[in-house]
Amino acid sequence: MQAQALRTAVHVAAVFALYLALAMLVPAAVDLHAGNPDWRVFALSAVTVGGFSLTVAAATRSRPPLQSTRFAFLVVVVLWITLGLVSAVPFYAASLRLGVADAVFESVSAITTTGSTVIVGLDGLPPGLLVWRSLLQWIGGLGVIALGLFLLPFLRVGGFTYFRIESSDIDERPFERFSTHILALIGIYVVLTTLCAFAYAAAGMSGFDAVNHAMTTIATGGFSTHDASFGHFEGEAVLWVGTLFMLVAALPFSILILLVVRGRLDALRDPQIRLFLAYAVGFALAVAVYRSATTGIGFEAALAGSVFNFVSIITTTGYASEDYTAWGPFAVVAAFLATFLGGCSGSTAGGVKAYRFLILGRLLGNGLAQLVHPHAVHSVRYGDRVVDAEMQRAVVLFVAAFLLVWAAATAALAAFGADLVTALTGALTALTNVGPGLGPTIGPAGNFAPLDDASKWVLSATMLFGRLELLAVLVLLVPAFWRG
């Protein structure tokens, strides 16, 4: 890779780091208003990061190289690594006294909207740090949408998003201009966050909790202001509000734009939406019935908890209203399987995603039919469209890479002393950006603080792999990428 391309990638990352430095002033203002001395930490971090970023941006500014897929891969990876490191500065410098590994883990978990945490005692944490965690997830969620809608489709490694519904005409796009589309995306993201905050407040949350949870709900991030997560709040109203907005945030934002801007109700017929909603409802109902039958709890109460917690897992949000691993072996297995699923392409959710399961199902069906009729020609269809060979290849490559990275991360965690359940589910939840794993250590009733520093570095890297859809990172490890 030419030095000019790397120079430009560093310049882009420095510019975005400057934006993060400005964002640090928000928790600084919150702590200053609350009379907490950590406001100085955020203010100093903003000045330090801002000054350094401005210097690097000025030093690396030059004519950009010719646009290419390799250059785009490099920019994406360098940018997200930089954001993860820069956002760790306040965590490291604040009164929490986190080590470097812990600070980076917390910031990467936030910016990738994973929701795993190493912080214990959230209820007594300074308000600025709580806002910083939530704000990072909110910013990361918007970046995830942009990644899925605009960058990954260009890189041919994911992002199966349609801007045209049942037509190839330009008129079927929400907007012809890219900048207008971005503004509409930001507008819908802000409006959804605002509506969610008001709904949480109406359901009984304080204003501070409502704003923080609204940011992490729409980002499908899962950071809470309390150690007990949603178990801190009384009543089922907050659970149903959270469930509704988690489902909305896991829908394709391109479809939401079509729906809001053009009033296109037919946009909701996207096959991945139907599959996503089907498995979310299916898992929640199955566990609710099982829990009611085996524990004697009323079905309505079992349904509220089951729907909330399994929608949280499937949308990769990671909230928990109670320890669902105590519901019985079927619930534990269901939670493990649900961790793979994810939401829709072009949403804030992670996971394998519904459209890939649709395409894999069609490929499997066609393969079996080919065994019966060897000379028949079967096309892979996504709704009314034929999925081209390039997209089929991307899906198969993703699944292969997913299994490879999951196995490698699991082996690494086991080598550093983690037990089988912790290693297996820790690697999985980091790769799918869900948040909690299973078991007494990293399950919904625990967190990642007991793990050693080496394991936290492994999980931080795995979270970035998962957020960038794997192939965008793995391609940088191929020697041919750097030649020429």
Protein backbone atom coordinates (compact mmCIF):
# COMPACT_ATOMS: atom_id res chain seq x y z
CA MET A 1 0.00 0.00 0.00
CA GLN A 2 1.42 3.37 -0.98
CA ALA A 3 2.49 5.72 1.80
CA GLN A 4 0.13 8.36 0.41
CA ALA A 5 -2.91 6.17 1.04
CA LEU A 6 -1.87 5.51 4.65
CA ARG A 7 -1.20 9.21 5.13
CA THR A 8 -4.68 10.09 3.93
CA ALA A 9 -6.27 7.41 6.12
CA VAL A 10 -4.51 8.88 9.16
CA HIS A 11 -5.73 12.35 8.14
CA VAL A 12 -9.35 11.18 7.99
CA ALA A 13 -9.02 9.46 11.37
CA ALA A 14 -7.51 12.61 12.90
CA VAL A 15 -10.43 14.72 11.67
CA PHE A 16 -12.94 12.35 13.23
CA ALA A 17 -10.90 12.27 16.45
CA LEU A 18 -11.27 16.05 16.52
CA TYR A 19 -15.05 15.61 16.48
CA LEU A 20 -14.76 13.21 19.41
CA ALA A 21 -12.72 15.80 21.28
CA LEU A 22 -15.58 18.27 20.86
CA ALA A 23 -18.02 15.61 22.08
CA MET A 24 -15.99 15.33 25.32
CA LEU A 25 -17.21 18.81 26.23
CA VAL A 26 -20.73 17.42 26.72
CA PRO A 27 -19.88 15.19 29.74
CA ALA A 28 -17.58 17.97 30.96
CA ALA A 29 -20.59 20.31 31.09
CA VAL A 30 -22.68 17.62 32.82
CA ASP A 31 -20.06 17.06 35.52
CA LEU A 32 -19.52 20.81 35.95
CA HIS A 33 -23.27 21.28 36.47
CA ALA A 34 -23.30 18.41 38.99
CA GLY A 35 -20.27 19.78 40.83
CA ASN A 36 -18.17 16.71 40.09
CA PRO A 37 -14.40 17.33 39.68
CA ASP A 38 -14.21 14.93 36.74
CA TRP A 39 -15.30 17.84 34.51
CA ARG A 40 -11.64 18.83 34.48
CA VAL A 41 -10.70 15.38 33.18
CA PHE A 42 -13.07 15.69 30.24
CA ALA A 43 -12.06 19.29 29.55
CA LEU A 44 -8.36 18.43 29.64
CA SER A 45 -8.97 15.33 27.50
CA ALA A 46 -10.84 17.45 24.98
CA VAL A 47 -8.01 19.97 24.76
CA THR A 48 -5.29 17.30 24.60
CA VAL A 49 -7.02 15.08 22.06
CA GLY A 50 -8.21 18.08 20.08
CA GLY A 51 -4.78 19.66 19.91
CA PHE A 52 -3.04 16.42 18.97
CA SER A 53 -5.69 15.56 16.36
CA LEU A 54 -5.50 19.02 14.84
CA THR A 55 -1.72 18.75 14.60
CA VAL A 56 -1.88 15.31 12.97
CA ALA A 57 -4.64 16.41 10.58
CA ALA A 58 -2.62 19.42 9.48
CA ALA A 59 0.59 17.40 9.11
CA THR A 60 -1.06 14.69 6.99
CA ARG A 61 -3.21 16.92 4.80
CA SER A 62 -2.40 16.40 1.16
CA ARG A 63 -3.93 15.47 -2.14
CA PRO A 64 -5.92 12.25 -1.61
CA PRO A 65 -4.85 9.17 -3.56
CA LEU A 66 -6.93 7.70 -6.34
CA GLN A 67 -10.09 6.18 -4.88
CA SER A 68 -9.95 2.41 -4.74
CA THR A 69 -11.43 -0.45 -2.77
CA ARG A 70 -8.12 -1.04 -1.00
CA PHE A 71 -7.96 2.59 0.10
CA ALA A 72 -11.54 2.40 1.44
CA PHE A 73 -10.71 -0.74 3.45
CA LEU A 74 -7.71 1.01 4.98
CA VAL A 75 -9.65 4.17 5.89
CA VAL A 76 -12.47 2.21 7.54
CA VAL A 77 -10.17 0.12 9.73
CA VAL A 78 -7.82 2.96 10.71
CA LEU A 79 -10.80 5.19 11.51
CA TRP A 80 -12.54 2.73 13.85
CA ILE A 81 -9.33 1.76 15.65
CA THR A 82 -8.57 5.45 16.19
CA LEU A 83 -12.06 6.16 17.54
CA GLY A 84 -11.74 3.25 19.96
CA LEU A 85 -8.40 4.48 21.28
CA VAL A 86 -9.25 8.17 21.46
CA SER A 87 -12.53 7.64 23.29
CA ALA A 88 -10.64 5.64 25.93
CA VAL A 89 -8.70 8.71 27.13
CA PRO A 90 -11.38 10.01 29.56
CA PHE A 91 -11.98 6.50 30.93
CA TYR A 92 -8.27 6.15 31.68
CA ALA A 93 -7.85 9.64 33.16
CA ALA A 94 -11.09 9.81 35.19
CA SER A 95 -11.55 9.03 38.88
CA LEU A 96 -12.40 5.41 38.00
CA ARG A 97 -8.69 4.63 37.80
CA LEU A 98 -9.15 2.11 35.00
CA GLY A 99 -6.06 0.50 33.51
CA VAL A 100 -5.22 0.89 29.83
CA ALA A 101 -6.76 -2.47 28.87
CA ASP A 102 -9.95 -1.71 30.82
CA ALA A 103 -10.26 1.81 29.39
CA VAL A 104 -9.79 0.61 25.80
CA PHE A 105 -12.19 -2.30 26.35
CA GLU A 106 -14.90 0.05 27.66
CA SER A 107 -14.44 2.56 24.84
CA VAL A 108 -14.33 -0.06 22.07
CA SER A 109 -17.41 -1.71 23.56
CA ALA A 110 -19.13 1.69 23.50
CA ILE A 111 -18.15 2.87 20.02
CA THR A 112 -18.95 -0.53 18.48
CA THR A 113 -22.30 -0.55 20.37
CA THR A 114 -21.44 -3.90 21.95
CA GLY A 115 -22.40 -3.05 25.52
CA SER A 116 -19.99 -5.27 27.45
CA THR A 117 -18.55 -3.47 30.46
CA VAL A 118 -15.73 -3.75 32.99
CA ILE A 119 -17.12 -1.04 35.28
CA VAL A 120 -18.69 -2.05 38.60
CA GLY A 121 -20.76 0.45 40.59
CA LEU A 122 -22.58 2.28 37.82
CA ASP A 123 -25.18 3.55 40.29
CA GLY A 124 -22.51 5.64 42.04
CA LEU A 125 -20.60 6.70 38.93
CA PRO A 126 -20.19 10.46 38.19
CA PRO A 127 -22.90 11.62 35.75
CA GLY A 128 -20.36 12.77 33.18
CA LEU A 129 -18.91 9.27 32.78
CA LEU A 130 -22.40 7.80 32.41
CA VAL A 131 -23.21 10.36 29.72
CA TRP A 132 -19.87 9.70 27.98
CA ARG A 133 -20.63 5.96 27.78
CA SER A 134 -24.11 6.61 26.39
CA LEU A 135 -22.94 9.33 24.00
CA LEU A 136 -20.22 7.08 22.58
CA GLN A 137 -22.78 4.37 21.87
CA TRP A 138 -25.10 6.91 20.26
CA ILE A 139 -22.30 8.23 18.03
CA GLY A 140 -21.19 4.67 17.28
CA GLY A 141 -24.72 3.66 16.33
CA LEU A 142 -24.92 6.43 13.75
CA GLY A 143 -21.53 5.36 12.43
CA VAL A 144 -22.71 1.75 12.23
CA ILE A 145 -25.68 2.77 10.08
CA ALA A 146 -23.43 4.75 7.74
CA LEU A 147 -21.06 1.77 7.58
CA GLY A 148 -23.89 -0.59 6.62
CA LEU A 149 -25.65 1.72 4.19
CA PHE A 150 -22.80 3.38 2.33
CA LEU A 151 -19.39 1.75 2.92
CA LEU A 152 -19.86 -2.02 3.16
CA PRO A 153 -21.94 -2.30 -0.03
CA PHE A 154 -19.17 -0.43 -1.86
CA LEU A 155 -16.56 -2.80 -0.43
CA ARG A 156 -18.66 -5.85 -1.42
CA VAL A 157 -18.36 -7.46 2.01
CA GLY A 158 -21.85 -6.82 3.36
CA GLY A 159 -24.56 -4.22 3.63
CA PHE A 160 -27.41 -5.79 1.66
CA THR A 161 -29.50 -2.62 1.54
CA TYR A 162 -31.93 -1.60 -1.18
CA PHE A 163 -32.66 2.05 -1.87
CA ARG A 164 -35.21 1.12 -4.57
CA ILE A 165 -38.40 -0.71 -3.82
CA GLU A 166 -39.77 -2.83 -6.69
CA SER A 167 -38.15 -0.62 -9.31
CA SER A 168 -34.79 0.34 -10.74
CA ASP A 169 -35.81 3.92 -11.42
CA ILE A 170 -33.93 6.77 -9.78
CA ASP A 171 -37.29 8.11 -8.56
CA GLU A 172 -37.56 5.22 -6.13
CA ARG A 173 -34.63 6.49 -4.09
CA PRO A 174 -35.59 8.58 -1.07
CA PHE A 175 -33.23 11.29 -2.32
CA GLU A 176 -31.06 11.67 -5.37
CA ARG A 177 -28.38 13.66 -3.54
CA PHE A 178 -26.15 11.81 -1.12
CA SER A 179 -25.91 14.77 1.28
CA THR A 180 -29.69 15.02 1.54
CA HIS A 181 -29.90 11.33 2.29
CA ILE A 182 -27.36 11.73 5.11
CA LEU A 183 -29.32 14.63 6.60
CA ALA A 184 -32.53 12.58 6.48
CA LEU A 185 -30.72 9.69 8.20
CA ILE A 186 -29.43 11.93 10.99
CA GLY A 187 -32.85 13.54 11.34
CA ILE A 188 -34.64 10.21 11.78
CA TYR A 189 -31.96 9.02 14.21
CA VAL A 190 -32.36 12.15 16.36
CA VAL A 191 -36.16 12.05 16.25
CA LEU A 192 -36.25 8.36 17.26
CA THR A 193 -33.89 9.10 20.16
CA THR A 194 -36.07 12.00 21.31
CA LEU A 195 -39.28 9.97 21.11
CA CYS A 196 -37.64 7.12 22.99
CA ALA A 197 -36.49 9.45 25.77
CA PHE A 198 -39.99 10.90 26.21
CA ALA A 199 -41.49 7.39 26.21
CA TYR A 200 -39.04 6.20 28.87
CA ALA A 201 -39.82 9.26 31.01
CA ALA A 202 -43.56 8.62 30.66
CA ALA A 203 -42.97 5.00 31.70
CA GLY A 204 -41.35 6.07 34.96
CA MET A 205 -37.64 6.76 34.33
CA SER A 206 -36.00 9.93 35.60
CA GLY A 207 -35.04 12.46 32.96
CA PHE A 208 -31.34 11.58 33.24
CA ASP A 209 -31.99 7.84 32.93
CA ALA A 210 -34.46 8.38 30.08
CA VAL A 211 -31.97 10.37 27.96
CA ASN A 212 -29.11 7.95 28.57
CA HIS A 213 -31.17 4.85 27.87
CA ALA A 214 -32.74 6.45 24.79
CA MET A 215 -29.27 6.98 23.30
CA THR A 216 -28.17 3.42 24.00
CA THR A 217 -31.50 1.91 22.90
CA ILE A 218 -31.58 3.53 19.46
CA ALA A 219 -27.90 2.62 19.05
CA THR A 220 -28.79 -0.95 20.15
CA GLY A 221 -25.80 -0.58 22.46
CA GLY A 222 -27.15 -1.63 25.83
CA PHE A 223 -25.13 0.50 28.25
CA SER A 224 -27.21 1.35 31.32
CA THR A 225 -26.81 3.83 34.15
CA HIS A 226 -27.35 1.05 36.71
CA ASP A 227 -25.55 -2.21 37.48
CA ALA A 228 -28.90 -4.04 37.41
CA SER A 229 -29.65 -2.62 33.93
CA PHE A 230 -33.44 -2.64 33.41
CA GLY A 231 -33.83 -4.70 36.56
CA HIS A 232 -33.42 -1.40 38.42
CA PHE A 233 -36.77 -0.11 37.17
CA GLU A 234 -40.13 -1.18 38.53
CA GLY A 235 -43.09 -2.11 36.36
CA GLU A 236 -43.38 -3.57 32.90
CA ALA A 237 -44.01 -0.30 31.04
CA VAL A 238 -40.30 0.46 30.62
CA LEU A 239 -39.75 -3.07 29.27
CA TRP A 240 -42.37 -2.66 26.57
CA VAL A 241 -41.07 0.79 25.62
CA GLY A 242 -37.54 -0.62 25.36
CA THR A 243 -38.76 -3.57 23.31
CA LEU A 244 -40.56 -1.34 20.81
CA PHE A 245 -37.64 1.00 20.19
CA MET A 246 -35.07 -1.82 20.05
CA LEU A 247 -37.15 -3.45 17.30
CA VAL A 248 -37.41 -0.17 15.37
CA ALA A 249 -33.66 0.49 15.68
CA ALA A 250 -32.90 -2.99 14.30
CA LEU A 251 -34.87 -2.28 11.08
CA PRO A 252 -33.06 -1.04 7.93
CA PHE A 253 -32.76 2.74 8.15
CA SER A 254 -33.03 3.00 4.36
CA ILE A 255 -36.50 1.47 4.71
CA LEU A 256 -37.35 3.86 7.56
CA ILE A 257 -36.33 6.78 5.34
CA LEU A 258 -38.54 5.52 2.52
CA LEU A 259 -41.39 5.06 4.97
CA VAL A 260 -41.07 8.49 6.59
CA VAL A 261 -40.14 10.57 3.55
CA ARG A 262 -42.22 8.86 0.86
CA GLY A 263 -44.89 7.18 2.96
CA ARG A 264 -43.95 3.86 1.35
CA LEU A 265 -45.68 1.26 3.50
CA ASP A 266 -44.76 -1.37 0.92
CA ALA A 267 -41.13 -0.83 1.95
CA LEU A 268 -41.89 -2.90 5.03
CA ARG A 269 -42.33 -5.97 2.80
CA ASP A 270 -38.55 -6.38 2.69
CA PRO A 271 -38.05 -10.13 3.32
CA GLN A 272 -35.36 -9.60 5.95
CA ILE A 273 -37.81 -7.59 8.07
CA ARG A 274 -40.33 -10.42 8.04
CA LEU A 275 -37.68 -12.97 9.01
CA PHE A 276 -36.21 -10.74 11.74
CA LEU A 277 -39.61 -10.15 13.34
CA ALA A 278 -40.52 -13.83 12.97
CA TYR A 279 -37.53 -15.16 14.87
CA ALA A 280 -37.77 -12.40 17.50
CA VAL A 281 -41.40 -13.29 18.21
CA GLY A 282 -40.71 -17.03 17.97
CA PHE A 283 -37.86 -17.05 20.50
CA ALA A 284 -39.71 -14.78 22.92
CA LEU A 285 -42.93 -16.80 22.84
CA ALA A 286 -41.15 -20.15 23.13
CA VAL A 287 -39.19 -19.06 26.20
CA ALA A 288 -42.25 -17.41 27.77
CA VAL A 289 -44.26 -20.63 27.41
CA TYR A 290 -41.37 -22.71 28.76
CA ARG A 291 -40.80 -20.39 31.70
CA SER A 292 -44.48 -20.24 32.59
CA ALA A 293 -44.83 -24.02 32.39
CA THR A 294 -41.72 -24.87 34.41
CA THR A 295 -41.77 -22.16 37.10
CA GLY A 296 -45.47 -21.50 37.59
CA ILE A 297 -45.06 -17.77 36.94
CA GLY A 298 -48.02 -16.12 35.21
CA PHE A 299 -47.82 -16.11 31.41
CA GLU A 300 -48.19 -12.31 31.14
CA ALA A 301 -45.28 -11.68 33.50
CA ALA A 302 -43.22 -14.38 31.79
CA LEU A 303 -44.04 -12.88 28.39
CA ALA A 304 -42.95 -9.33 29.32
CA GLY A 305 -39.57 -10.52 30.62
CA SER A 306 -39.02 -12.99 27.81
CA VAL A 307 -39.91 -10.54 25.03
CA PHE A 308 -37.71 -7.78 26.44
CA ASN A 309 -34.64 -9.91 27.13
CA PHE A 310 -34.74 -11.90 23.89
CA VAL A 311 -35.43 -8.86 21.72
CA SER A 312 -32.47 -7.30 23.53
CA ILE A 313 -30.26 -10.27 22.63
CA ILE A 314 -31.48 -10.62 19.05
CA THR A 315 -31.14 -6.91 18.28
CA THR A 316 -27.65 -7.10 19.91
CA THR A 317 -28.61 -4.40 22.41
CA GLY A 318 -27.63 -6.36 25.52
CA TYR A 319 -29.95 -4.98 28.19
CA ALA A 320 -31.20 -7.39 30.84
CA SER A 321 -34.16 -7.05 33.18
CA GLU A 322 -33.17 -10.17 35.14
CA ASP A 323 -30.76 -13.08 34.97
CA TYR A 324 -32.35 -15.12 32.17
CA THR A 325 -29.74 -17.85 32.61
CA ALA A 326 -31.65 -18.82 35.78
CA TRP A 327 -34.81 -19.58 33.76
CA GLY A 328 -33.72 -23.13 32.95
CA PRO A 329 -31.59 -24.99 30.38
CA PHE A 330 -33.94 -24.32 27.45
CA ALA A 331 -33.75 -20.56 28.07
CA VAL A 332 -29.93 -20.73 28.26
CA VAL A 333 -29.70 -22.62 24.95
CA ALA A 334 -32.20 -20.22 23.37
CA ALA A 335 -30.11 -17.23 24.54
CA PHE A 336 -26.97 -18.82 23.07
CA LEU A 337 -28.66 -19.38 19.69
CA ALA A 338 -30.26 -15.93 19.71
CA THR A 339 -26.80 -14.36 20.08
CA PHE A 340 -26.02 -15.35 16.48
CA LEU A 341 -29.07 -13.76 14.89
CA GLY A 342 -28.90 -9.97 14.83
CA GLY A 343 -31.19 -7.45 13.18
CA CYS A 344 -31.43 -6.18 9.62
CA SER A 345 -28.78 -4.83 7.30
CA GLY A 346 -28.41 -1.06 7.43
CA SER A 347 -29.50 -0.88 11.08
CA THR A 348 -27.58 -0.26 14.29
CA ALA A 349 -27.79 -3.98 15.16
CA GLY A 350 -24.93 -6.47 14.81
CA GLY A 351 -24.95 -10.26 14.52
CA VAL A 352 -25.06 -12.38 11.39
CA LYS A 353 -28.21 -10.48 10.29
CA ALA A 354 -31.47 -11.67 8.78
CA TYR A 355 -30.64 -11.17 5.10
CA ARG A 356 -27.68 -13.54 5.34
CA PHE A 357 -29.85 -16.25 6.87
CA LEU A 358 -32.32 -15.78 4.00
CA ILE A 359 -29.62 -16.15 1.36
CA LEU A 360 -28.01 -19.09 3.16
CA GLY A 361 -31.40 -20.80 3.36
CA ARG A 362 -31.94 -20.34 -0.38
CA LEU A 363 -28.43 -21.65 -1.12
CA LEU A 364 -29.08 -24.71 1.04
CA GLY A 365 -32.43 -25.36 -0.61
CA ASN A 366 -30.95 -24.99 -4.07
CA GLY A 367 -28.06 -27.28 -3.16
CA LEU A 368 -30.42 -30.01 -1.98
CA ALA A 369 -32.58 -29.61 -5.08
CA GLN A 370 -29.45 -29.88 -7.21
CA LEU A 371 -28.77 -33.30 -5.68
CA VAL A 372 -32.19 -34.49 -6.84
CA HIS A 373 -32.07 -32.78 -10.25
CA PRO A 374 -28.36 -32.37 -11.16
CA HIS A 375 -29.01 -30.56 -14.44
CA ALA A 376 -31.60 -28.10 -13.19
CA VAL A 377 -30.72 -24.41 -12.89
CA HIS A 378 -31.89 -22.71 -9.70
CA SER A 379 -31.53 -19.01 -8.99
CA VAL A 380 -31.09 -17.61 -5.50
CA ARG A 381 -33.84 -15.09 -4.89
CA TYR A 382 -34.31 -12.40 -2.30
CA GLY A 383 -37.97 -11.52 -2.52
CA ASP A 384 -38.56 -10.61 -6.16
CA ARG A 385 -34.89 -10.12 -6.91
CA VAL A 386 -32.20 -12.53 -8.02
CA VAL A 387 -29.14 -12.46 -5.76
CA ASP A 388 -26.05 -12.18 -7.94
CA ALA A 389 -23.05 -14.46 -7.56
CA GLU A 390 -20.98 -11.71 -5.96
CA MET A 391 -23.43 -11.28 -3.07
CA GLN A 392 -23.69 -15.05 -2.64
CA ARG A 393 -19.90 -15.21 -2.43
CA ALA A 394 -19.85 -12.39 0.14
CA VAL A 395 -22.36 -14.19 2.37
CA VAL A 396 -20.47 -17.49 2.25
CA LEU A 397 -17.15 -15.72 2.89
CA PHE A 398 -18.67 -13.90 5.86
CA VAL A 399 -19.92 -17.12 7.46
CA ALA A 400 -16.55 -18.82 6.94
CA ALA A 401 -14.71 -15.83 8.40
CA PHE A 402 -17.17 -15.66 11.30
CA LEU A 403 -16.51 -19.26 12.30
CA LEU A 404 -12.75 -18.83 11.88
CA VAL A 405 -12.50 -15.66 14.01
CA TRP A 406 -14.91 -17.08 16.62
CA ALA A 407 -12.76 -20.22 16.95
CA ALA A 408 -9.53 -18.21 17.15
CA ALA A 409 -10.92 -15.81 19.78
CA THR A 410 -12.33 -18.71 21.82
CA ALA A 411 -8.97 -20.50 21.76
CA ALA A 412 -7.15 -17.31 22.76
CA LEU A 413 -9.46 -16.70 25.73
CA ALA A 414 -9.10 -20.32 26.84
CA ALA A 415 -5.31 -20.00 26.58
CA PHE A 416 -5.47 -17.03 28.96
CA GLY A 417 -7.39 -19.06 31.52
CA ALA A 418 -11.10 -18.62 30.72
CA ASP A 419 -13.38 -21.61 31.20
CA LEU A 420 -15.21 -23.12 28.22
CA VAL A 421 -18.51 -21.25 28.68
CA THR A 422 -16.77 -17.92 29.27
CA ALA A 423 -14.40 -18.38 26.33
CA LEU A 424 -17.06 -19.64 23.93
CA THR A 425 -19.76 -17.09 24.71
CA GLY A 426 -17.35 -14.23 25.40
CA ALA A 427 -15.86 -14.55 21.92
CA LEU A 428 -19.34 -14.94 20.43
CA THR A 429 -20.90 -11.94 22.15
CA ALA A 430 -17.92 -9.76 21.20
CA LEU A 431 -18.09 -10.89 17.58
CA THR A 432 -21.84 -10.30 17.31
CA ASN A 433 -21.69 -7.09 19.42
CA VAL A 434 -24.38 -8.34 21.80
CA GLY A 435 -22.84 -7.48 25.20
CA PRO A 436 -23.39 -10.07 27.93
CA GLY A 437 -22.32 -13.67 27.49
CA LEU A 438 -23.32 -16.70 29.51
CA GLY A 439 -22.07 -18.14 32.77
CA PRO A 440 -21.50 -16.65 36.23
CA THR A 441 -18.63 -14.38 35.16
CA ILE A 442 -19.79 -12.57 32.00
CA GLY A 443 -23.48 -13.48 32.03
CA PRO A 444 -26.31 -10.93 32.42
CA ALA A 445 -25.73 -10.89 36.20
CA GLY A 446 -21.96 -10.31 35.89
CA ASN A 447 -19.53 -8.31 33.77
CA PHE A 448 -16.09 -8.55 32.16
CA ALA A 449 -14.04 -6.98 34.98
CA PRO A 450 -12.73 -10.33 36.37
CA LEU A 451 -11.01 -11.22 33.08
CA ASP A 452 -7.29 -10.56 32.76
CA ASP A 453 -5.86 -7.80 30.57
CA ALA A 454 -4.82 -10.16 27.77
CA SER A 455 -8.39 -11.46 27.46
CA LYS A 456 -9.73 -7.90 27.34
CA TRP A 457 -7.36 -7.03 24.48
CA VAL A 458 -8.54 -10.12 22.59
CA LEU A 459 -12.18 -9.17 23.14
CA SER A 460 -11.56 -5.55 22.13
CA ALA A 461 -10.08 -6.72 18.82
CA THR A 462 -12.94 -9.18 18.36
CA MET A 463 -15.52 -6.43 18.87
CA LEU A 464 -13.88 -4.40 16.12
CA PHE A 465 -13.81 -7.44 13.84
CA GLY A 466 -17.53 -7.97 14.39
CA ARG A 467 -18.47 -4.33 13.94
CA LEU A 468 -16.56 -4.05 10.66
CA GLU A 469 -18.16 -7.24 9.29
CA LEU A 470 -14.92 -9.26 9.58
CA LEU A 471 -13.79 -9.20 5.96
CA ALA A 472 -12.96 -5.50 6.04
CA VAL A 473 -10.35 -6.27 8.73
CA LEU A 474 -9.18 -9.68 7.53
CA VAL A 475 -8.34 -8.34 4.09
CA LEU A 476 -5.65 -6.14 5.66
CA LEU A 477 -3.91 -9.30 6.85
CA VAL A 478 -3.45 -10.56 3.28
CA PRO A 479 0.08 -9.75 2.01
CA ALA A 480 -1.26 -8.98 -1.47
CA PHE A 481 -3.23 -6.06 -0.01
CA TRP A 482 -0.02 -4.16 0.72
CA ARG A 483 1.71 -4.80 -2.63
CA GLY A 484 1.78 -2.25 -5.41
